[in-house]
Amino acid sequence: QVAPHFDLPDNIACVVAGRRRFTLF
């Protein structure tokens, strides 16, 4: 689990293995 944070770049996150839950604000 990675805590909520922001990144300056735009981002496309592609899940390639396992399930991932994204919580966005």
mmCIF file of all heavy atoms, coordinates in Angstrom:
data_MODEL
# 
_entry.id   MODEL 
# 
loop_
_atom_site.group_PDB 
_atom_site.id 
_atom_site.type_symbol 
_atom_site.label_atom_id 
_atom_site.label_alt_id 
_atom_site.label_comp_id 
_atom_site.label_asym_id 
_atom_site.label_entity_id 
_atom_site.label_seq_id 
_atom_site.pdbx_PDB_ins_code 
_atom_site.Cartn_x 
_atom_site.Cartn_y 
_atom_site.Cartn_z 
_atom_site.occupancy 
_atom_site.B_iso_or_equiv 
_atom_site.pdbx_formal_charge 
_atom_site.auth_seq_id 
_atom_site.auth_comp_id 
_atom_site.auth_asym_id 
_atom_site.auth_atom_id 
_atom_site.pdbx_PDB_model_num 
ATOM 1   N N   . GLN A 1 1  ? 0.845   -1.194 0.000   1.00 0.00 ? 1  GLN A N   1 
ATOM 2   C CA  . GLN A 1 1  ? 0.000   0.000  0.000   1.00 0.00 ? 1  GLN A CA  1 
ATOM 3   C C   . GLN A 1 1  ? 0.877   1.239  0.000   1.00 0.00 ? 1  GLN A C   1 
ATOM 4   O O   . GLN A 1 1  ? 1.754   1.393  0.854   1.00 0.00 ? 1  GLN A O   1 
ATOM 5   C CB  . GLN A 1 1  ? -0.920  0.007  1.220   1.00 0.00 ? 1  GLN A CB  1 
ATOM 6   C CG  . GLN A 1 1  ? -1.801  1.240  1.334   1.00 0.00 ? 1  GLN A CG  1 
ATOM 7   C CD  . GLN A 1 1  ? -2.720  1.176  2.535   1.00 0.00 ? 1  GLN A CD  1 
ATOM 8   O OE1 . GLN A 1 1  ? -3.329  0.136  2.813   1.00 0.00 ? 1  GLN A OE1 1 
ATOM 9   N NE2 . GLN A 1 1  ? -2.837  2.267  3.265   1.00 0.00 ? 1  GLN A NE2 1 
ATOM 10  N N   . VAL A 1 2  ? 0.636   2.118  -0.960  1.00 0.00 ? 2  VAL A N   1 
ATOM 11  C CA  . VAL A 1 2  ? 1.352   3.387  -1.071  1.00 0.00 ? 2  VAL A CA  1 
ATOM 12  C C   . VAL A 1 2  ? 0.382   4.503  -0.736  1.00 0.00 ? 2  VAL A C   1 
ATOM 13  O O   . VAL A 1 2  ? -0.737  4.565  -1.253  1.00 0.00 ? 2  VAL A O   1 
ATOM 14  C CB  . VAL A 1 2  ? 1.929   3.564  -2.487  1.00 0.00 ? 2  VAL A CB  1 
ATOM 15  C CG1 . VAL A 1 2  ? 2.558   4.939  -2.638  1.00 0.00 ? 2  VAL A CG1 1 
ATOM 16  C CG2 . VAL A 1 2  ? 2.958   2.479  -2.773  1.00 0.00 ? 2  VAL A CG2 1 
ATOM 17  N N   . ALA A 1 3  ? 0.793   5.399  0.152   1.00 0.00 ? 3  ALA A N   1 
ATOM 18  C CA  . ALA A 1 3  ? -0.076  6.457  0.645   1.00 0.00 ? 3  ALA A CA  1 
ATOM 19  C C   . ALA A 1 3  ? -0.444  7.440  -0.464  1.00 0.00 ? 3  ALA A C   1 
ATOM 20  O O   . ALA A 1 3  ? 0.308   7.619  -1.427  1.00 0.00 ? 3  ALA A O   1 
ATOM 21  C CB  . ALA A 1 3  ? 0.615   7.206  1.786   1.00 0.00 ? 3  ALA A CB  1 
ATOM 22  N N   . PRO A 1 4  ? -1.596  8.116  -0.323  1.00 0.00 ? 4  PRO A N   1 
ATOM 23  C CA  . PRO A 1 4  ? -1.960  9.140  -1.305  1.00 0.00 ? 4  PRO A CA  1 
ATOM 24  C C   . PRO A 1 4  ? -0.877  10.209 -1.433  1.00 0.00 ? 4  PRO A C   1 
ATOM 25  O O   . PRO A 1 4  ? -0.363  10.725 -0.439  1.00 0.00 ? 4  PRO A O   1 
ATOM 26  C CB  . PRO A 1 4  ? -3.256  9.725  -0.735  1.00 0.00 ? 4  PRO A CB  1 
ATOM 27  C CG  . PRO A 1 4  ? -3.858  8.596  0.047   1.00 0.00 ? 4  PRO A CG  1 
ATOM 28  C CD  . PRO A 1 4  ? -2.679  7.891  0.669   1.00 0.00 ? 4  PRO A CD  1 
ATOM 29  N N   . HIS A 1 5  ? -0.560  10.519 -2.667  1.00 0.00 ? 5  HIS A N   1 
ATOM 30  C CA  . HIS A 1 5  ? 0.442   11.526 -3.014  1.00 0.00 ? 5  HIS A CA  1 
ATOM 31  C C   . HIS A 1 5  ? 0.061   12.078 -4.374  1.00 0.00 ? 5  HIS A C   1 
ATOM 32  O O   . HIS A 1 5  ? -0.825  11.551 -5.046  1.00 0.00 ? 5  HIS A O   1 
ATOM 33  C CB  . HIS A 1 5  ? 1.839   10.900 -3.063  1.00 0.00 ? 5  HIS A CB  1 
ATOM 34  C CG  . HIS A 1 5  ? 1.963   9.836  -4.110  1.00 0.00 ? 5  HIS A CG  1 
ATOM 35  N ND1 . HIS A 1 5  ? 1.443   8.560  -3.926  1.00 0.00 ? 5  HIS A ND1 1 
ATOM 36  C CD2 . HIS A 1 5  ? 2.493   9.839  -5.363  1.00 0.00 ? 5  HIS A CD2 1 
ATOM 37  C CE1 . HIS A 1 5  ? 1.651   7.844  -5.010  1.00 0.00 ? 5  HIS A CE1 1 
ATOM 38  N NE2 . HIS A 1 5  ? 2.286   8.590  -5.899  1.00 0.00 ? 5  HIS A NE2 1 
ATOM 39  N N   . PHE A 1 6  ? 0.731   13.128 -4.810  1.00 0.00 ? 6  PHE A N   1 
ATOM 40  C CA  . PHE A 1 6  ? 0.488   13.625 -6.161  1.00 0.00 ? 6  PHE A CA  1 
ATOM 41  C C   . PHE A 1 6  ? 1.798   13.621 -6.935  1.00 0.00 ? 6  PHE A C   1 
ATOM 42  O O   . PHE A 1 6  ? 2.883   13.644 -6.360  1.00 0.00 ? 6  PHE A O   1 
ATOM 43  C CB  . PHE A 1 6  ? -0.126  15.033 -6.153  1.00 0.00 ? 6  PHE A CB  1 
ATOM 44  C CG  . PHE A 1 6  ? 0.828   16.118 -5.698  1.00 0.00 ? 6  PHE A CG  1 
ATOM 45  C CD1 . PHE A 1 6  ? 1.677   16.746 -6.598  1.00 0.00 ? 6  PHE A CD1 1 
ATOM 46  C CD2 . PHE A 1 6  ? 0.870   16.518 -4.365  1.00 0.00 ? 6  PHE A CD2 1 
ATOM 47  C CE1 . PHE A 1 6  ? 2.566   17.739 -6.177  1.00 0.00 ? 6  PHE A CE1 1 
ATOM 48  C CE2 . PHE A 1 6  ? 1.743   17.510 -3.942  1.00 0.00 ? 6  PHE A CE2 1 
ATOM 49  C CZ  . PHE A 1 6  ? 2.595   18.121 -4.849  1.00 0.00 ? 6  PHE A CZ  1 
ATOM 50  N N   . ASP A 1 7  ? 1.679   13.579 -8.248  1.00 0.00 ? 7  ASP A N   1 
ATOM 51  C CA  . ASP A 1 7  ? 2.833   13.670 -9.133  1.00 0.00 ? 7  ASP A CA  1 
ATOM 52  C C   . ASP A 1 7  ? 2.642   14.861 -10.056 1.00 0.00 ? 7  ASP A C   1 
ATOM 53  O O   . ASP A 1 7  ? 1.518   15.181 -10.462 1.00 0.00 ? 7  ASP A O   1 
ATOM 54  C CB  . ASP A 1 7  ? 2.988   12.393 -9.964  1.00 0.00 ? 7  ASP A CB  1 
ATOM 55  C CG  . ASP A 1 7  ? 3.248   11.173 -9.095  1.00 0.00 ? 7  ASP A CG  1 
ATOM 56  O OD1 . ASP A 1 7  ? 4.192   11.227 -8.284  1.00 0.00 ? 7  ASP A OD1 1 
ATOM 57  O OD2 . ASP A 1 7  ? 2.502   10.186 -9.206  1.00 0.00 ? 7  ASP A OD2 1 
ATOM 58  N N   . LEU A 1 8  ? 3.742   15.508 -10.407 1.00 0.00 ? 8  LEU A N   1 
ATOM 59  C CA  . LEU A 1 8  ? 3.667   16.636 -11.329 1.00 0.00 ? 8  LEU A CA  1 
ATOM 60  C C   . LEU A 1 8  ? 3.320   16.189 -12.752 1.00 0.00 ? 8  LEU A C   1 
ATOM 61  O O   . LEU A 1 8  ? 2.507   16.831 -13.415 1.00 0.00 ? 8  LEU A O   1 
ATOM 62  C CB  . LEU A 1 8  ? 4.985   17.409 -11.315 1.00 0.00 ? 8  LEU A CB  1 
ATOM 63  C CG  . LEU A 1 8  ? 5.057   18.639 -12.210 1.00 0.00 ? 8  LEU A CG  1 
ATOM 64  C CD1 . LEU A 1 8  ? 3.979   19.657 -11.845 1.00 0.00 ? 8  LEU A CD1 1 
ATOM 65  C CD2 . LEU A 1 8  ? 6.439   19.281 -12.116 1.00 0.00 ? 8  LEU A CD2 1 
ATOM 66  N N   . PRO A 1 9  ? 3.898   15.095 -13.272 1.00 0.00 ? 9  PRO A N   1 
ATOM 67  C CA  . PRO A 1 9  ? 3.539   14.683 -14.632 1.00 0.00 ? 9  PRO A CA  1 
ATOM 68  C C   . PRO A 1 9  ? 2.132   14.097 -14.705 1.00 0.00 ? 9  PRO A C   1 
ATOM 69  O O   . PRO A 1 9  ? 1.563   13.629 -13.706 1.00 0.00 ? 9  PRO A O   1 
ATOM 70  C CB  . PRO A 1 9  ? 4.585   13.610 -14.962 1.00 0.00 ? 9  PRO A CB  1 
ATOM 71  C CG  . PRO A 1 9  ? 5.651   13.738 -13.936 1.00 0.00 ? 9  PRO A CG  1 
ATOM 72  C CD  . PRO A 1 9  ? 4.970   14.263 -12.709 1.00 0.00 ? 9  PRO A CD  1 
ATOM 73  N N   . ASP A 1 10 ? 1.564   14.111 -15.909 1.00 0.00 ? 10 ASP A N   1 
ATOM 74  C CA  . ASP A 1 10 ? 0.405   13.274 -16.195 1.00 0.00 ? 10 ASP A CA  1 
ATOM 75  C C   . ASP A 1 10 ? 0.877   11.831 -16.250 1.00 0.00 ? 10 ASP A C   1 
ATOM 76  O O   . ASP A 1 10 ? 2.059   11.546 -16.451 1.00 0.00 ? 10 ASP A O   1 
ATOM 77  C CB  . ASP A 1 10 ? -0.230  13.676 -17.526 1.00 0.00 ? 10 ASP A CB  1 
ATOM 78  C CG  . ASP A 1 10 ? -0.886  15.046 -17.468 1.00 0.00 ? 10 ASP A CG  1 
ATOM 79  O OD1 . ASP A 1 10 ? -1.809  15.218 -16.650 1.00 0.00 ? 10 ASP A OD1 1 
ATOM 80  O OD2 . ASP A 1 10 ? -0.478  15.938 -18.238 1.00 0.00 ? 10 ASP A OD2 1 
ATOM 81  N N   . ASN A 1 11 ? -0.060  10.901 -16.103 1.00 0.00 ? 11 ASN A N   1 
ATOM 82  C CA  . ASN A 1 11 ? 0.337   9.515  -15.875 1.00 0.00 ? 11 ASN A CA  1 
ATOM 83  C C   . ASN A 1 11 ? -0.720  8.573  -16.446 1.00 0.00 ? 11 ASN A C   1 
ATOM 84  O O   . ASN A 1 11 ? -1.918  8.777  -16.211 1.00 0.00 ? 11 ASN A O   1 
ATOM 85  C CB  . ASN A 1 11 ? 0.482   9.300  -14.359 1.00 0.00 ? 11 ASN A CB  1 
ATOM 86  C CG  . ASN A 1 11 ? 0.857   7.880  -13.972 1.00 0.00 ? 11 ASN A CG  1 
ATOM 87  O OD1 . ASN A 1 11 ? 1.224   7.065  -14.819 1.00 0.00 ? 11 ASN A OD1 1 
ATOM 88  N ND2 . ASN A 1 11 ? 0.756   7.578  -12.695 1.00 0.00 ? 11 ASN A ND2 1 
ATOM 89  N N   . ILE A 1 12 ? -0.287  7.586  -17.198 1.00 0.00 ? 12 ILE A N   1 
ATOM 90  C CA  . ILE A 1 12 ? -1.149  6.444  -17.514 1.00 0.00 ? 12 ILE A CA  1 
ATOM 91  C C   . ILE A 1 12 ? -0.560  5.235  -16.809 1.00 0.00 ? 12 ILE A C   1 
ATOM 92  O O   . ILE A 1 12 ? 0.579   4.833  -17.088 1.00 0.00 ? 12 ILE A O   1 
ATOM 93  C CB  . ILE A 1 12 ? -1.254  6.190  -19.021 1.00 0.00 ? 12 ILE A CB  1 
ATOM 94  C CG1 . ILE A 1 12 ? -2.031  7.317  -19.704 1.00 0.00 ? 12 ILE A CG1 1 
ATOM 95  C CG2 . ILE A 1 12 ? -1.974  4.866  -19.293 1.00 0.00 ? 12 ILE A CG2 1 
ATOM 96  C CD1 . ILE A 1 12 ? -2.225  7.118  -21.195 1.00 0.00 ? 12 ILE A CD1 1 
ATOM 97  N N   . ALA A 1 13 ? -1.306  4.689  -15.862 1.00 0.00 ? 13 ALA A N   1 
ATOM 98  C CA  . ALA A 1 13 ? -0.878  3.507  -15.106 1.00 0.00 ? 13 ALA A CA  1 
ATOM 99  C C   . ALA A 1 13 ? -1.564  2.286  -15.698 1.00 0.00 ? 13 ALA A C   1 
ATOM 100 O O   . ALA A 1 13 ? -2.797  2.212  -15.724 1.00 0.00 ? 13 ALA A O   1 
ATOM 101 C CB  . ALA A 1 13 ? -1.245  3.665  -13.631 1.00 0.00 ? 13 ALA A CB  1 
ATOM 102 N N   . CYS A 1 14 ? -0.766  1.340  -16.173 1.00 0.00 ? 14 CYS A N   1 
ATOM 103 C CA  . CYS A 1 14 ? -1.276  0.128  -16.822 1.00 0.00 ? 14 CYS A CA  1 
ATOM 104 C C   . CYS A 1 14 ? -1.015  -1.070 -15.906 1.00 0.00 ? 14 CYS A C   1 
ATOM 105 O O   . CYS A 1 14 ? 0.145   -1.434 -15.675 1.00 0.00 ? 14 CYS A O   1 
ATOM 106 C CB  . CYS A 1 14 ? -0.589  -0.097 -18.164 1.00 0.00 ? 14 CYS A CB  1 
ATOM 107 S SG  . CYS A 1 14 ? -0.700  1.301  -19.311 1.00 0.00 ? 14 CYS A SG  1 
ATOM 108 N N   . VAL A 1 15 ? -2.057  -1.667 -15.397 1.00 0.00 ? 15 VAL A N   1 
ATOM 109 C CA  . VAL A 1 15 ? -1.893  -2.840 -14.531 1.00 0.00 ? 15 VAL A CA  1 
ATOM 110 C C   . VAL A 1 15 ? -1.588  -4.045 -15.412 1.00 0.00 ? 15 VAL A C   1 
ATOM 111 O O   . VAL A 1 15 ? -2.325  -4.349 -16.356 1.00 0.00 ? 15 VAL A O   1 
ATOM 112 C CB  . VAL A 1 15 ? -3.154  -3.078 -13.690 1.00 0.00 ? 15 VAL A CB  1 
ATOM 113 C CG1 . VAL A 1 15 ? -3.041  -4.386 -12.908 1.00 0.00 ? 15 VAL A CG1 1 
ATOM 114 C CG2 . VAL A 1 15 ? -3.378  -1.909 -12.734 1.00 0.00 ? 15 VAL A CG2 1 
ATOM 115 N N   . VAL A 1 16 ? -0.486  -4.737 -15.103 1.00 0.00 ? 16 VAL A N   1 
ATOM 116 C CA  . VAL A 1 16 ? -0.079  -5.877 -15.931 1.00 0.00 ? 16 VAL A CA  1 
ATOM 117 C C   . VAL A 1 16 ? -0.134  -7.198 -15.176 1.00 0.00 ? 16 VAL A C   1 
ATOM 118 O O   . VAL A 1 16 ? -0.120  -8.271 -15.801 1.00 0.00 ? 16 VAL A O   1 
ATOM 119 C CB  . VAL A 1 16 ? 1.320   -5.657 -16.541 1.00 0.00 ? 16 VAL A CB  1 
ATOM 120 C CG1 . VAL A 1 16 ? 1.305   -4.466 -17.499 1.00 0.00 ? 16 VAL A CG1 1 
ATOM 121 C CG2 . VAL A 1 16 ? 2.385   -5.463 -15.469 1.00 0.00 ? 16 VAL A CG2 1 
ATOM 122 N N   . ALA A 1 17 ? -0.181  -7.169 -13.847 1.00 0.00 ? 17 ALA A N   1 
ATOM 123 C CA  . ALA A 1 17 ? -0.290  -8.405 -13.066 1.00 0.00 ? 17 ALA A CA  1 
ATOM 124 C C   . ALA A 1 17 ? -0.948  -8.078 -11.735 1.00 0.00 ? 17 ALA A C   1 
ATOM 125 O O   . ALA A 1 17 ? -0.650  -7.040 -11.129 1.00 0.00 ? 17 ALA A O   1 
ATOM 126 C CB  . ALA A 1 17 ? 1.080   -9.048 -12.834 1.00 0.00 ? 17 ALA A CB  1 
ATOM 127 N N   . GLY A 1 18 ? -1.836  -8.950 -11.263 1.00 0.00 ? 18 GLY A N   1 
ATOM 128 C CA  . GLY A 1 18 ? -2.515  -8.714 -10.006 1.00 0.00 ? 18 GLY A CA  1 
ATOM 129 C C   . GLY A 1 18 ? -3.545  -7.601 -10.121 1.00 0.00 ? 18 GLY A C   1 
ATOM 130 O O   . GLY A 1 18 ? -3.623  -6.886 -11.124 1.00 0.00 ? 18 GLY A O   1 
ATOM 131 N N   . ARG A 1 19 ? -4.344  -7.454 -9.072  1.00 0.00 ? 19 ARG A N   1 
ATOM 132 C CA  . ARG A 1 19 ? -5.352  -6.397 -9.031  1.00 0.00 ? 19 ARG A CA  1 
ATOM 133 C C   . ARG A 1 19 ? -4.819  -5.203 -8.228  1.00 0.00 ? 19 ARG A C   1 
ATOM 134 O O   . ARG A 1 19 ? -4.086  -5.394 -7.265  1.00 0.00 ? 19 ARG A O   1 
ATOM 135 C CB  . ARG A 1 19 ? -6.637  -6.909 -8.380  1.00 0.00 ? 19 ARG A CB  1 
ATOM 136 C CG  . ARG A 1 19 ? -7.312  -8.064 -9.118  1.00 0.00 ? 19 ARG A CG  1 
ATOM 137 C CD  . ARG A 1 19 ? -8.310  -8.758 -8.227  1.00 0.00 ? 19 ARG A CD  1 
ATOM 138 N NE  . ARG A 1 19 ? -7.619  -9.365 -7.075  1.00 0.00 ? 19 ARG A NE  1 
ATOM 139 C CZ  . ARG A 1 19 ? -8.086  -9.373 -5.821  1.00 0.00 ? 19 ARG A CZ  1 
ATOM 140 N NH1 . ARG A 1 19 ? -9.244  -8.801 -5.535  1.00 0.00 ? 19 ARG A NH1 1 
ATOM 141 N NH2 . ARG A 1 19 ? -7.392  -9.950 -4.852  1.00 0.00 ? 19 ARG A NH2 1 
ATOM 142 N N   . ARG A 1 20 ? -5.225  -4.006 -8.637  1.00 0.00 ? 20 ARG A N   1 
ATOM 143 C CA  . ARG A 1 20 ? -4.822  -2.800 -7.919  1.00 0.00 ? 20 ARG A CA  1 
ATOM 144 C C   . ARG A 1 20 ? -6.028  -1.904 -7.709  1.00 0.00 ? 20 ARG A C   1 
ATOM 145 O O   . ARG A 1 20 ? -6.870  -1.752 -8.598  1.00 0.00 ? 20 ARG A O   1 
ATOM 146 C CB  . ARG A 1 20 ? -3.749  -2.022 -8.688  1.00 0.00 ? 20 ARG A CB  1 
ATOM 147 C CG  . ARG A 1 20 ? -2.435  -2.781 -8.762  1.00 0.00 ? 20 ARG A CG  1 
ATOM 148 C CD  . ARG A 1 20 ? -1.253  -1.855 -8.725  1.00 0.00 ? 20 ARG A CD  1 
ATOM 149 N NE  . ARG A 1 20 ? -0.018  -2.638 -8.698  1.00 0.00 ? 20 ARG A NE  1 
ATOM 150 C CZ  . ARG A 1 20 ? 1.144   -2.186 -8.287  1.00 0.00 ? 20 ARG A CZ  1 
ATOM 151 N NH1 . ARG A 1 20 ? 1.253   -0.948 -7.859  1.00 0.00 ? 20 ARG A NH1 1 
ATOM 152 N NH2 . ARG A 1 20 ? 2.219   -2.957 -8.295  1.00 0.00 ? 20 ARG A NH2 1 
ATOM 153 N N   . ARG A 1 21 ? -6.076  -1.320 -6.536  1.00 0.00 ? 21 ARG A N   1 
ATOM 154 C CA  . ARG A 1 21 ? -7.130  -0.358 -6.192  1.00 0.00 ? 21 ARG A CA  1 
ATOM 155 C C   . ARG A 1 21 ? -6.508  1.031  -6.101  1.00 0.00 ? 21 ARG A C   1 
ATOM 156 O O   . ARG A 1 21 ? -5.572  1.259  -5.332  1.00 0.00 ? 21 ARG A O   1 
ATOM 157 C CB  . ARG A 1 21 ? -7.810  -0.733 -4.888  1.00 0.00 ? 21 ARG A CB  1 
ATOM 158 C CG  . ARG A 1 21 ? -8.856  0.281  -4.409  1.00 0.00 ? 21 ARG A CG  1 
ATOM 159 C CD  . ARG A 1 21 ? -9.659  -0.288 -3.263  1.00 0.00 ? 21 ARG A CD  1 
ATOM 160 N NE  . ARG A 1 21 ? -10.393 -1.463 -3.708  1.00 0.00 ? 21 ARG A NE  1 
ATOM 161 C CZ  . ARG A 1 21 ? -10.825 -2.434 -2.900  1.00 0.00 ? 21 ARG A CZ  1 
ATOM 162 N NH1 . ARG A 1 21 ? -10.580 -2.372 -1.595  1.00 0.00 ? 21 ARG A NH1 1 
ATOM 163 N NH2 . ARG A 1 21 ? -11.487 -3.471 -3.391  1.00 0.00 ? 21 ARG A NH2 1 
ATOM 164 N N   . PHE A 1 22 ? -7.037  1.949  -6.876  1.00 0.00 ? 22 PHE A N   1 
ATOM 165 C CA  . PHE A 1 22 ? -6.601  3.341  -6.867  1.00 0.00 ? 22 PHE A CA  1 
ATOM 166 C C   . PHE A 1 22 ? -7.677  4.184  -6.194  1.00 0.00 ? 22 PHE A C   1 
ATOM 167 O O   . PHE A 1 22 ? -8.847  4.118  -6.582  1.00 0.00 ? 22 PHE A O   1 
ATOM 168 C CB  . PHE A 1 22 ? -6.387  3.860  -8.293  1.00 0.00 ? 22 PHE A CB  1 
ATOM 169 C CG  . PHE A 1 22 ? -5.193  3.280  -8.999  1.00 0.00 ? 22 PHE A CG  1 
ATOM 170 C CD1 . PHE A 1 22 ? -5.234  1.998  -9.530  1.00 0.00 ? 22 PHE A CD1 1 
ATOM 171 C CD2 . PHE A 1 22 ? -4.025  4.011  -9.139  1.00 0.00 ? 22 PHE A CD2 1 
ATOM 172 C CE1 . PHE A 1 22 ? -4.142  1.461  -10.194 1.00 0.00 ? 22 PHE A CE1 1 
ATOM 173 C CE2 . PHE A 1 22 ? -2.928  3.491  -9.794  1.00 0.00 ? 22 PHE A CE2 1 
ATOM 174 C CZ  . PHE A 1 22 ? -2.982  2.205  -10.326 1.00 0.00 ? 22 PHE A CZ  1 
ATOM 175 N N   . THR A 1 23 ? -7.275  4.970  -5.205  1.00 0.00 ? 23 THR A N   1 
ATOM 176 C CA  . THR A 1 23 ? -8.173  5.919  -4.553  1.00 0.00 ? 23 THR A CA  1 
ATOM 177 C C   . THR A 1 23 ? -7.668  7.311  -4.873  1.00 0.00 ? 23 THR A C   1 
ATOM 178 O O   . THR A 1 23 ? -6.560  7.680  -4.486  1.00 0.00 ? 23 THR A O   1 
ATOM 179 C CB  . THR A 1 23 ? -8.215  5.692  -3.039  1.00 0.00 ? 23 THR A CB  1 
ATOM 180 O OG1 . THR A 1 23 ? -8.596  4.332  -2.762  1.00 0.00 ? 23 THR A OG1 1 
ATOM 181 C CG2 . THR A 1 23 ? -9.225  6.629  -2.384  1.00 0.00 ? 23 THR A CG2 1 
ATOM 182 N N   . LEU A 1 24 ? -8.475  8.086  -5.612  1.00 0.00 ? 24 LEU A N   1 
ATOM 183 C CA  . LEU A 1 24 ? -8.049  9.377  -6.118  1.00 0.00 ? 24 LEU A CA  1 
ATOM 184 C C   . LEU A 1 24 ? -8.839  10.510 -5.480  1.00 0.00 ? 24 LEU A C   1 
ATOM 185 O O   . LEU A 1 24 ? -10.034 10.369 -5.201  1.00 0.00 ? 24 LEU A O   1 
ATOM 186 C CB  . LEU A 1 24 ? -8.235  9.450  -7.640  1.00 0.00 ? 24 LEU A CB  1 
ATOM 187 C CG  . LEU A 1 24 ? -7.117  8.860  -8.518  1.00 0.00 ? 24 LEU A CG  1 
ATOM 188 C CD1 . LEU A 1 24 ? -6.992  7.358  -8.330  1.00 0.00 ? 24 LEU A CD1 1 
ATOM 189 C CD2 . LEU A 1 24 ? -7.361  9.183  -9.979  1.00 0.00 ? 24 LEU A CD2 1 
ATOM 190 N N   . PHE A 1 25 ? -8.146  11.632 -5.284  1.00 0.00 ? 25 PHE A N   1 
ATOM 191 C CA  . PHE A 1 25 ? -8.753  12.836 -4.723  1.00 0.00 ? 25 PHE A CA  1 
ATOM 192 C C   . PHE A 1 25 ? -8.364  14.033 -5.597  1.00 0.00 ? 25 PHE A C   1 
ATOM 193 O O   . PHE A 1 25 ? -7.207  14.157 -6.011  1.00 0.00 ? 25 PHE A O   1 
ATOM 194 C CB  . PHE A 1 25 ? -8.265  13.094 -3.294  1.00 0.00 ? 25 PHE A CB  1 
ATOM 195 C CG  . PHE A 1 25 ? -8.481  11.946 -2.351  1.00 0.00 ? 25 PHE A CG  1 
ATOM 196 C CD1 . PHE A 1 25 ? -7.486  10.981 -2.174  1.00 0.00 ? 25 PHE A CD1 1 
ATOM 197 C CD2 . PHE A 1 25 ? -9.662  11.818 -1.643  1.00 0.00 ? 25 PHE A CD2 1 
ATOM 198 C CE1 . PHE A 1 25 ? -7.677  9.920  -1.306  1.00 0.00 ? 25 PHE A CE1 1 
ATOM 199 C CE2 . PHE A 1 25 ? -9.853  10.758 -0.764  1.00 0.00 ? 25 PHE A CE2 1 
ATOM 200 C CZ  . PHE A 1 25 ? -8.864  9.810  -0.595  1.00 0.00 ? 25 PHE A CZ  1 
# 
